[in-house]
Amino acid sequence: MSSPLCNGHTTGTDILWAGLPMITLPLEKMATRVAGSLCLATGIGEEMVVNRLAISANCVFSLMVELFF
């Protein structure tokens, strides 16, 4: 999950390059939208880009359950 105020630039690219999911919440400033652009560039980004913090928590929980159980 990328941090909302200054999210995944190089680290986000590394995460996606490794084939891992990255949940991101884009806000108004450009620095908060980079991870969303990276996710959308993968072709499956719509599942990783959320529009509310509560939804991002649910996405992270769902991924954890899927990966570990």
C-alpha atoms as a PDB file:
ATOM      1  CA  MET A   1       0.000   0.000   0.000  1.00  0.00           C
ATOM      2  CA  SER A   2       1.557   3.273  -1.054  1.00  0.00           C
ATOM      3  CA  SER A   3       1.586   6.192   1.344  1.00  0.00           C
ATOM      4  CA  PRO A   4      -1.004   8.809   0.359  1.00  0.00           C
ATOM      5  CA  LEU A   5       1.100  11.982   0.524  1.00  0.00           C
ATOM      6  CA  CYS A   6       4.174  11.002  -1.483  1.00  0.00           C
ATOM      7  CA  ASN A   7       3.632   7.554  -2.861  1.00  0.00           C
ATOM      8  CA  GLY A   8       5.487   4.889  -4.815  1.00  0.00           C
ATOM      9  CA  HIS A   9       7.866   6.300  -7.380  1.00  0.00           C
ATOM     10  CA  THR A  10      10.934   4.044  -7.717  1.00  0.00           C
ATOM     11  CA  THR A  11       9.752   1.711  -4.978  1.00  0.00           C
ATOM     12  CA  GLY A  12       6.359   1.397  -6.650  1.00  0.00           C
ATOM     13  CA  THR A  13       8.014   0.509  -9.936  1.00  0.00           C
ATOM     14  CA  ASP A  14      10.090  -2.157  -8.179  1.00  0.00           C
ATOM     15  CA  ILE A  15       6.986  -3.586  -6.502  1.00  0.00           C
ATOM     16  CA  LEU A  16       5.089  -3.857  -9.774  1.00  0.00           C
ATOM     17  CA  TRP A  17       8.142  -5.174 -11.622  1.00  0.00           C
ATOM     18  CA  ALA A  18       8.296  -8.008  -9.064  1.00  0.00           C
ATOM     19  CA  GLY A  19       4.691  -8.887  -9.894  1.00  0.00           C
ATOM     20  CA  LEU A  20       3.287  -7.787  -6.563  1.00  0.00           C
ATOM     21  CA  PRO A  21       0.098  -5.761  -6.127  1.00  0.00           C
ATOM     22  CA  MET A  22       0.226  -2.173  -4.918  1.00  0.00           C
ATOM     23  CA  ILE A  23      -2.854  -0.451  -3.491  1.00  0.00           C
ATOM     24  CA  THR A  24      -2.810   3.316  -3.907  1.00  0.00           C
ATOM     25  CA  LEU A  25      -5.060   6.255  -3.080  1.00  0.00           C
ATOM     26  CA  PRO A  26      -4.385   9.174  -5.459  1.00  0.00           C
ATOM     27  CA  LEU A  27      -5.078  12.650  -4.087  1.00  0.00           C
ATOM     28  CA  GLU A  28      -4.835  16.145  -5.639  1.00  0.00           C
ATOM     29  CA  LYS A  29      -1.074  16.742  -5.918  1.00  0.00           C
ATOM     30  CA  MET A  30       1.046  15.112  -8.627  1.00  0.00           C
ATOM     31  CA  ALA A  31       3.262  13.275  -6.126  1.00  0.00           C
ATOM     32  CA  THR A  32       0.191  11.443  -4.809  1.00  0.00           C
ATOM     33  CA  ARG A  33      -0.859  10.225  -8.261  1.00  0.00           C
ATOM     34  CA  VAL A  34       2.376   8.583  -9.458  1.00  0.00           C
ATOM     35  CA  ALA A  35       1.622   5.131  -8.063  1.00  0.00           C
ATOM     36  CA  GLY A  36      -1.836   5.219  -9.647  1.00  0.00           C
ATOM     37  CA  SER A  37      -0.310   5.980 -13.030  1.00  0.00           C
ATOM     38  CA  LEU A  38       2.157   3.124 -12.576  1.00  0.00           C
ATOM     39  CA  CYS A  39      -0.662   0.747 -11.648  1.00  0.00           C
ATOM     40  CA  LEU A  40      -2.752   1.801 -14.640  1.00  0.00           C
ATOM     41  CA  ALA A  41       0.240   1.255 -16.920  1.00  0.00           C
ATOM     42  CA  THR A  42       0.244  -2.431 -15.915  1.00  0.00           C
ATOM     43  CA  GLY A  43      -3.158  -2.945 -17.498  1.00  0.00           C
ATOM     44  CA  ILE A  44      -4.754  -4.169 -14.257  1.00  0.00           C
ATOM     45  CA  GLY A  45      -4.412  -0.955 -12.305  1.00  0.00           C
ATOM     46  CA  GLU A  46      -8.101  -0.273 -11.898  1.00  0.00           C
ATOM     47  CA  GLU A  47      -8.165  -2.996  -9.246  1.00  0.00           C
ATOM     48  CA  MET A  48      -5.265  -1.363  -7.372  1.00  0.00           C
ATOM     49  CA  VAL A  49      -6.312   2.306  -7.522  1.00  0.00           C
ATOM     50  CA  VAL A  50      -8.935   3.224  -4.929  1.00  0.00           C
ATOM     51  CA  ASN A  51     -10.799   6.443  -4.249  1.00  0.00           C
ATOM     52  CA  ARG A  52     -11.364   6.230  -0.470  1.00  0.00           C
ATOM     53  CA  LEU A  53      -9.156   5.199   2.433  1.00  0.00           C
ATOM     54  CA  ALA A  54     -11.757   2.720   3.722  1.00  0.00           C
ATOM     55  CA  ILE A  55     -11.758   0.944   0.368  1.00  0.00           C
ATOM     56  CA  SER A  56      -7.951   0.705   0.392  1.00  0.00           C
ATOM     57  CA  ALA A  57      -8.034  -1.005   3.789  1.00  0.00           C
ATOM     58  CA  ASN A  58     -10.562  -3.520   2.456  1.00  0.00           C
ATOM     59  CA  CYS A  59      -8.394  -4.165  -0.618  1.00  0.00           C
ATOM     60  CA  VAL A  60      -5.323  -4.793   1.526  1.00  0.00           C
ATOM     61  CA  PHE A  61      -7.269  -7.141   3.799  1.00  0.00           C
ATOM     62  CA  SER A  62      -8.669  -9.046   0.801  1.00  0.00           C
ATOM     63  CA  LEU A  63      -5.193  -9.429  -0.707  1.00  0.00           C
ATOM     64  CA  MET A  64      -3.802 -10.681   2.586  1.00  0.00           C
ATOM     65  CA  VAL A  65      -6.553 -13.281   2.932  1.00  0.00           C
ATOM     66  CA  GLU A  66      -6.073 -14.374  -0.681  1.00  0.00           C
ATOM     67  CA  LEU A  67      -2.295 -14.668  -0.367  1.00  0.00           C
ATOM     68  CA  PHE A  68      -2.003 -16.283   3.053  1.00  0.00           C
ATOM     69  CA  PHE A  69      -5.108 -18.448   3.476  1.00  0.00           C
END
